[in-house]
């Protein structure tokens, strides 16, 4: 997502623009876009927590053959995310330099945020949807025919009501709560968001103290959505967004829970700490005018065993872990927890 370009700051409180392109890709094609393997391309940025959800879900479900992935670089300007990681600065499948080209192809002069994740129709080059909360649910439900053998059920029928309930409060107070603190335009708005964030983190700590996962005894969509915020907490939100009552490493239950997921195939192997830090500290110049990217924190703790398996649970239920990432989608070792302290590349 492009946070500042998709938010209105007319008041002291940060209000995220949630008017997304709600067209859906469905098994029956009722919105005009049927599920078809190879027809669509998922545009993401590893820096973005909202896009990171889609990367994780796609990988857990084994949709790599059915849905290809375009990866934008970690920084962008006011116009759009760019495919500057690809040779010639152009996505090799869509043939575009900027994600905005896919938005403009469908909606000339599109005036809302050019956000990731987005799914693009390859034959027309037009964006189909950027409705990121629905997008991952549809990958679980509408794309089921193309899931890998052994894919987990991330949105089981019997637990959907509880998953939706947990997702709603986690989004309001945590996923979006860190942004409400970081982009607050006044002291009162900041303090309100800060208190709601840590009240909810305390609630989550209590909930997870006796169960391995947020809902049920397997990984669900709820865990994916919380994880992508937690994994960015110490590297970005604690300092950059002033969410500094505690670091994640000072919250024992949540720190162990996050490490447990990080060490689960499909989670930690999608995380690019270099991209995460360069995005927030370089792009958000109203918060960090110098654009200096901090060297810390030390990331080696992410590899320390969590001990959470003692709580029971079956990560993939009756399914199996995903295979290793495909070579073209492997995060560079220097950008991962394996490298310990990640030294950011120079901003381009």
Protein backbone atom coordinates (compact mmCIF):
# COMPACT_ATOMS: atom_id res chain seq x y z
CA UNK A 1 0.00 0.00 0.00
CA UNK A 2 1.09 3.61 -0.42
CA UNK A 3 0.10 4.91 2.98
CA UNK A 4 0.41 8.65 2.64
CA UNK A 5 -1.09 8.78 -0.83
CA UNK A 6 -4.11 6.77 0.28
CA UNK A 7 -4.87 8.71 3.43
CA UNK A 8 -6.60 11.98 4.09
CA UNK A 9 -5.08 14.10 6.84
CA UNK A 10 -7.68 16.84 7.03
CA UNK A 11 -7.90 16.29 10.78
CA UNK A 12 -5.39 15.40 13.46
CA UNK A 13 -6.41 11.75 13.27
CA UNK A 14 -5.09 9.59 10.46
CA UNK A 15 -7.93 8.30 8.28
CA UNK A 16 -7.02 5.58 5.80
CA UNK A 17 -8.72 5.82 2.40
CA UNK A 18 -10.54 2.48 2.21
CA UNK A 19 -12.31 3.00 -1.13
CA UNK A 20 -10.67 0.12 -2.97
CA UNK A 21 -11.40 -1.43 -6.36
CA UNK A 22 -13.77 -4.14 -5.17
CA UNK A 23 -14.01 -6.18 -8.37
CA UNK A 24 -13.50 -9.83 -7.47
CA UNK A 25 -11.91 -12.74 -9.31
CA UNK A 26 -14.25 -15.65 -8.62
CA UNK A 27 -14.72 -19.26 -9.61
CA UNK A 28 -17.95 -18.40 -11.43
CA UNK A 29 -16.66 -15.13 -12.90
CA UNK A 30 -19.70 -13.18 -11.69
CA UNK A 31 -17.77 -9.87 -11.74
CA UNK A 32 -16.48 -10.56 -15.23
CA UNK A 33 -13.17 -12.00 -14.08
CA UNK A 34 -13.20 -15.80 -13.71
CA UNK A 35 -10.40 -17.65 -11.96
CA UNK A 36 -8.04 -18.79 -14.71
CA UNK A 37 -4.51 -20.04 -14.11
CA UNK A 38 -1.91 -17.86 -15.82
CA UNK A 39 -4.31 -15.04 -16.65
CA UNK A 40 -3.52 -12.73 -13.75
CA UNK A 41 -0.43 -11.25 -12.08
CA UNK A 42 -0.20 -10.34 -8.40
CA UNK A 43 1.65 -7.05 -7.96
CA UNK A 44 3.31 -6.70 -4.56
CA UNK A 45 6.09 -4.97 -2.67
CA UNK A 46 7.89 -6.92 0.03
CA UNK A 47 8.11 -3.73 2.07
CA UNK A 48 4.34 -3.44 2.48
CA UNK A 49 2.55 -5.37 5.25
CA UNK A 50 -0.71 -5.52 3.31
CA UNK A 51 1.04 -6.97 0.26
CA UNK A 52 3.06 -9.29 2.48
CA UNK A 53 -0.23 -10.95 3.49
CA UNK A 54 -0.92 -11.85 -0.13
CA UNK A 55 2.63 -13.13 -0.64
CA UNK A 56 2.29 -15.44 2.38
CA UNK A 57 -1.19 -16.72 1.47
CA UNK A 58 -0.20 -17.36 -2.16
CA UNK A 59 2.82 -19.33 -0.96
CA UNK A 60 1.00 -21.34 1.72
CA UNK A 61 -1.68 -22.32 -0.79
CA UNK A 62 0.82 -23.16 -3.53
CA UNK A 63 -0.64 -20.81 -6.14
CA UNK A 64 2.68 -19.96 -7.79
CA UNK A 65 1.83 -21.72 -11.06
CA UNK A 66 -1.67 -20.27 -11.23
CA UNK A 67 -0.88 -16.69 -10.20
CA UNK A 68 2.46 -15.13 -11.10
CA UNK A 69 3.96 -12.34 -9.01
CA UNK A 70 5.43 -8.95 -9.89
CA UNK A 71 7.65 -7.45 -7.17
CA UNK A 72 8.05 -3.69 -6.97
CA UNK A 73 11.02 -2.04 -5.34
CA UNK A 74 10.86 -0.81 -1.74
CA UNK A 75 10.59 2.91 -2.46
CA UNK A 76 8.23 4.95 -4.59
CA UNK A 77 7.44 8.54 -5.39
CA UNK A 78 4.09 10.33 -5.32
CA UNK A 79 3.07 8.71 -8.60
CA UNK A 80 3.45 5.01 -8.04
CA UNK A 81 5.34 1.89 -7.07
CA UNK A 82 7.99 1.08 -9.68
CA UNK A 83 9.40 -2.19 -10.97
CA UNK A 84 12.97 -1.01 -10.59
CA UNK A 85 14.18 -4.42 -9.42
CA UNK A 86 13.62 -5.89 -12.88
CA UNK A 87 16.04 -5.54 -15.81
CA UNK A 88 15.43 -2.24 -17.51
CA UNK A 89 13.10 -1.18 -14.71
CA UNK A 90 10.15 -2.88 -16.37
CA UNK A 91 8.04 -5.83 -15.23
CA UNK A 92 8.85 -8.61 -17.70
CA UNK A 93 5.27 -9.91 -17.92
CA UNK A 94 3.17 -6.75 -17.78
CA UNK A 95 5.74 -4.69 -19.66
CA UNK A 96 5.21 -1.63 -17.46
CA UNK A 97 7.58 0.51 -15.41
CA UNK A 98 5.00 1.73 -12.88
CA UNK A 99 2.02 0.05 -11.31
CA UNK A 100 -0.02 3.14 -12.10
CA UNK A 101 0.03 2.11 -15.76
CA UNK A 102 -2.21 -0.87 -14.93
CA UNK A 103 -4.58 1.34 -12.95
CA UNK A 104 -4.76 3.95 -15.73
CA UNK A 105 -5.35 1.23 -18.32
CA UNK A 106 -8.67 0.47 -16.66
CA UNK A 107 -9.46 3.83 -15.07
CA UNK A 108 -7.84 6.69 -17.05
CA UNK A 109 -6.73 9.41 -14.67
CA UNK A 110 -7.39 7.23 -11.60
CA UNK A 111 -7.20 9.64 -8.67
CA UNK A 112 -7.07 7.35 -5.64
CA UNK A 113 -4.01 5.62 -4.27
CA UNK A 114 -1.97 3.34 -6.52
CA UNK A 115 -1.66 0.56 -3.95
CA UNK A 116 -0.24 -2.90 -3.50
CA UNK A 117 -1.25 -5.65 -3.43
CA UNK A 118 -3.13 -5.50 -6.69
CA UNK A 119 -4.08 -8.14 -9.22
CA UNK A 120 -3.68 -7.25 -12.90
CA UNK A 121 -5.35 -8.93 -15.87
CA UNK A 122 -2.40 -9.81 -18.10
CA UNK A 123 -4.22 -9.85 -21.50
CA UNK A 124 -5.59 -6.32 -21.05
CA UNK A 125 -2.94 -4.93 -18.72
CA UNK A 126 -5.74 -3.58 -16.51
CA UNK A 127 -5.90 -3.68 -12.74
CA UNK A 128 -8.71 -5.91 -11.49
CA UNK A 129 -8.65 -5.33 -7.75
CA UNK A 130 -6.64 -3.80 -4.94
CA UNK A 131 -9.14 -4.79 -2.23
CA UNK A 132 -6.47 -6.43 -0.09
CA UNK A 133 -8.72 -7.79 2.73
CA UNK A 134 -10.96 -9.61 0.25
CA UNK A 135 -8.11 -10.56 -2.05
CA UNK A 136 -6.50 -13.05 0.36
CA UNK A 137 -9.86 -14.52 1.36
CA UNK A 138 -10.63 -15.13 -2.32
CA UNK A 139 -7.27 -16.84 -2.80
CA UNK A 140 -8.35 -19.26 -0.08
CA UNK A 141 -11.90 -19.82 -1.31
CA UNK A 142 -12.35 -18.94 -4.99
CA UNK A 143 -8.98 -20.31 -6.15
CA UNK A 144 -9.36 -23.63 -4.33
CA UNK A 145 -9.22 -25.70 -7.53
CA UNK A 146 -5.61 -24.59 -8.04
CA UNK A 147 -4.31 -25.02 -4.47
CA UNK A 148 -1.36 -27.36 -4.06
CA UNK A 149 -2.01 -30.82 -2.62
CA UNK A 150 -1.81 -30.46 1.15
CA UNK A 151 -2.61 -26.75 1.17
CA UNK A 152 -3.95 -25.60 4.55
CA UNK A 153 -7.45 -24.24 5.01
CA UNK A 154 -6.75 -20.68 6.11
CA UNK A 155 -10.42 -19.69 6.27
CA UNK A 156 -12.37 -22.76 7.44
CA UNK A 157 -16.15 -22.49 7.35
CA UNK A 158 -16.63 -23.36 11.02
CA UNK A 159 -14.26 -20.61 12.19
CA UNK A 160 -15.05 -17.78 9.78
CA UNK A 161 -17.20 -15.77 12.16
CA UNK A 162 -14.51 -15.83 14.85
CA UNK A 163 -11.73 -15.13 12.35
CA UNK A 164 -13.67 -12.13 11.02
CA UNK A 165 -14.25 -10.85 14.55
CA UNK A 166 -10.58 -11.12 15.50
CA UNK A 167 -9.46 -9.61 12.20
CA UNK A 168 -11.71 -6.59 12.73
CA UNK A 169 -10.25 -5.60 16.10
CA UNK A 170 -6.69 -6.44 15.09
CA UNK A 171 -7.04 -4.28 11.99
CA UNK A 172 -8.51 -1.32 13.85
CA UNK A 173 -6.09 -1.28 16.77
CA UNK A 174 -2.92 -2.98 15.50
CA UNK A 175 -2.57 -3.29 11.71
CA UNK A 176 -3.91 0.22 11.12
CA UNK A 177 -3.27 1.32 14.70
CA UNK A 178 0.46 1.70 14.14
CA UNK A 179 -0.28 4.02 11.21
CA UNK A 180 -2.79 5.99 13.26
CA UNK A 181 -0.01 6.61 15.76
CA UNK A 182 2.73 7.24 13.23
CA UNK A 183 0.77 9.60 11.00
CA UNK A 184 -1.19 11.36 13.75
CA UNK A 185 -1.38 15.08 13.18
CA UNK A 186 -1.66 16.03 16.85
CA UNK A 187 -0.69 14.89 20.32
CA UNK A 188 -4.19 13.81 21.36
CA UNK A 189 -4.71 11.72 18.23
CA UNK A 190 -1.31 10.10 18.68
CA UNK A 191 -1.91 9.24 22.33
CA UNK A 192 -5.33 7.77 21.56
CA UNK A 193 -3.92 5.50 18.87
CA UNK A 194 -0.92 4.57 21.03
CA UNK A 195 -3.10 3.52 23.95
CA UNK A 196 -5.48 1.53 21.76
CA UNK A 197 -2.53 -0.24 20.14
CA UNK A 198 -0.93 -1.39 23.38
CA UNK A 199 -4.25 -2.24 25.01
CA UNK A 200 -4.92 -4.54 22.07
CA UNK A 201 -1.41 -6.02 22.16
CA UNK A 202 -1.93 -6.81 25.84
CA UNK A 203 -5.25 -8.45 24.95
CA UNK A 204 -3.55 -10.50 22.26
CA UNK A 205 -0.83 -11.54 24.69
CA UNK A 206 -3.45 -12.82 27.10
CA UNK A 207 -5.34 -14.63 24.32
CA UNK A 208 -2.19 -16.30 23.02
CA UNK A 209 -0.77 -17.23 26.40
CA UNK A 210 -2.71 -20.49 26.40
CA UNK A 211 -3.17 -21.24 22.70
CA UNK A 212 -0.69 -21.43 19.87
CA UNK A 213 -2.74 -19.65 17.21
CA UNK A 214 -5.31 -16.88 17.23
CA UNK A 215 -8.34 -18.95 16.18
CA UNK A 216 -8.51 -22.72 16.52
CA UNK A 217 -5.48 -24.99 16.62
CA UNK A 218 -4.11 -24.28 13.13
CA UNK A 219 -2.78 -21.29 11.24
CA UNK A 220 -5.57 -19.17 9.76
CA UNK A 221 -5.99 -15.88 7.94
CA UNK A 222 -6.03 -14.20 11.35
CA UNK A 223 -2.44 -15.24 12.07
CA UNK A 224 -1.26 -14.06 8.67
CA UNK A 225 -2.77 -10.61 9.24
CA UNK A 226 -1.28 -10.13 12.69
CA UNK A 227 2.13 -11.51 11.74
CA UNK A 228 2.88 -8.94 9.03
CA UNK A 229 2.52 -6.13 11.57
CA UNK A 230 4.46 -7.87 14.34
CA UNK A 231 7.40 -8.70 12.09
CA UNK A 232 7.80 -4.99 11.27
CA UNK A 233 7.29 -3.75 14.82
CA UNK A 234 10.82 -3.40 16.16
CA UNK A 235 12.40 -2.57 12.80
CA UNK A 236 9.98 0.24 12.02
CA UNK A 237 6.92 0.90 14.16
CA UNK A 238 8.61 1.13 17.55
CA UNK A 239 10.85 4.04 16.57
CA UNK A 240 9.62 5.46 13.27
CA UNK A 241 5.94 5.47 14.31
CA UNK A 242 6.61 6.24 18.01
CA UNK A 243 4.96 3.00 19.18
CA UNK A 244 7.51 2.78 21.93
CA UNK A 245 5.93 1.56 25.16
CA UNK A 246 7.64 -1.76 24.49
CA UNK A 247 9.55 -3.44 21.73
CA UNK A 248 8.12 -6.72 20.50
CA UNK A 249 11.06 -8.48 22.14
CA UNK A 250 9.84 -7.12 25.50
CA UNK A 251 6.40 -8.73 25.09
CA UNK A 252 7.23 -12.40 25.83
CA UNK A 253 4.06 -14.05 24.53
CA UNK A 254 3.81 -12.06 21.31
CA UNK A 255 7.55 -12.31 20.69
CA UNK A 256 7.43 -16.10 20.98
CA UNK A 257 4.26 -16.26 18.85
CA UNK A 258 5.84 -14.11 16.13
CA UNK A 259 9.03 -16.22 16.15
CA UNK A 260 6.97 -19.39 15.91
CA UNK A 261 5.29 -18.10 12.75
CA UNK A 262 8.53 -16.62 11.38
CA UNK A 263 10.15 -20.04 11.59
CA UNK A 264 7.18 -21.69 9.86
CA UNK A 265 7.69 -22.23 6.10
CA UNK A 266 5.84 -19.58 4.15
CA UNK A 267 6.21 -16.81 6.72
CA UNK A 268 9.77 -15.78 7.56
CA UNK A 269 11.04 -16.74 4.12
CA UNK A 270 8.87 -13.97 2.62
CA UNK A 271 10.34 -11.21 4.81
CA UNK A 272 12.84 -8.73 3.36
CA UNK A 273 14.00 -6.56 6.25
CA UNK A 274 16.08 -4.35 3.96
CA UNK A 275 13.06 -3.50 1.82
CA UNK A 276 10.93 -2.92 4.91
CA UNK A 277 13.32 -0.45 6.47
CA UNK A 278 14.16 1.39 3.25
CA UNK A 279 10.50 1.86 2.44
CA UNK A 280 9.42 3.42 5.71
CA UNK A 281 12.50 5.50 6.47
CA UNK A 282 13.14 6.72 2.92
CA UNK A 283 9.57 7.30 1.67
CA UNK A 284 8.06 8.87 4.79
CA UNK A 285 10.01 12.13 4.66
CA UNK A 286 7.41 14.01 6.70
CA UNK A 287 8.35 11.73 9.60
CA UNK A 288 12.03 11.13 8.76
CA UNK A 289 13.18 14.17 6.77
CA UNK A 290 16.81 13.04 6.46
CA UNK A 291 15.92 9.69 4.92
CA UNK A 292 18.53 8.00 7.12
CA UNK A 293 17.84 4.28 7.49
CA UNK A 294 18.82 2.85 10.90
CA UNK A 295 21.19 -0.11 11.01
CA UNK A 296 19.37 -1.93 13.82
CA UNK A 297 17.76 -3.81 15.29
CA UNK A 298 19.70 -7.06 15.60
CA UNK A 299 17.54 -9.64 13.81
CA UNK A 300 19.22 -12.82 14.99
CA UNK A 301 16.61 -13.31 17.72
CA UNK A 302 14.06 -14.25 15.08
CA UNK A 303 15.86 -17.57 14.71
CA UNK A 304 15.77 -18.50 18.41
CA UNK A 305 13.33 -21.39 19.02
CA UNK A 306 10.01 -20.17 20.38
CA UNK A 307 8.94 -23.18 22.45
CA UNK A 308 5.36 -22.57 21.34
CA UNK A 309 4.95 -26.14 20.12
CA UNK A 310 4.41 -27.07 23.78
CA UNK A 311 0.95 -25.47 23.45
CA UNK A 312 -0.02 -28.09 20.87
CA UNK A 313 -1.73 -27.15 17.65
CA UNK A 314 -1.01 -28.28 14.13
CA UNK A 315 0.37 -25.48 11.97
CA UNK A 316 -1.08 -26.79 8.69
CA UNK A 317 -3.92 -28.90 10.08
CA UNK A 318 -4.36 -31.97 7.90
CA UNK A 319 -2.14 -30.38 5.26
CA UNK A 320 1.59 -30.02 4.76
CA UNK A 321 4.17 -27.22 4.76
CA UNK A 322 4.80 -25.48 1.45
CA UNK A 323 7.99 -26.37 -0.42
CA UNK A 324 10.91 -23.92 -0.38
CA UNK A 325 10.42 -20.66 -2.32
CA UNK A 326 11.14 -20.81 -6.01
CA UNK A 327 14.61 -19.50 -6.90
CA UNK A 328 13.25 -16.33 -8.51
CA UNK A 329 11.28 -15.52 -5.35
CA UNK A 330 13.96 -16.13 -2.72
CA UNK A 331 14.69 -13.12 -0.53
CA UNK A 332 18.42 -12.25 -0.72
CA UNK A 333 20.23 -13.72 2.29
CA UNK A 334 21.68 -10.32 3.18
CA UNK A 335 18.13 -9.01 3.71
CA UNK A 336 17.01 -11.73 6.12
CA UNK A 337 17.38 -12.63 9.78
CA UNK A 338 20.17 -14.98 8.76
CA UNK A 339 22.28 -11.87 8.24
CA UNK A 340 21.65 -10.62 11.80
CA UNK A 341 21.96 -6.86 11.47
CA UNK A 342 20.75 -5.87 8.01
CA UNK A 343 22.76 -3.06 6.47
CA UNK A 344 20.41 -1.23 4.09
CA UNK A 345 21.36 -0.73 0.49
CA UNK A 346 21.72 2.90 -0.64
CA UNK A 347 18.42 4.47 -1.65
CA UNK A 348 17.94 4.79 -5.38
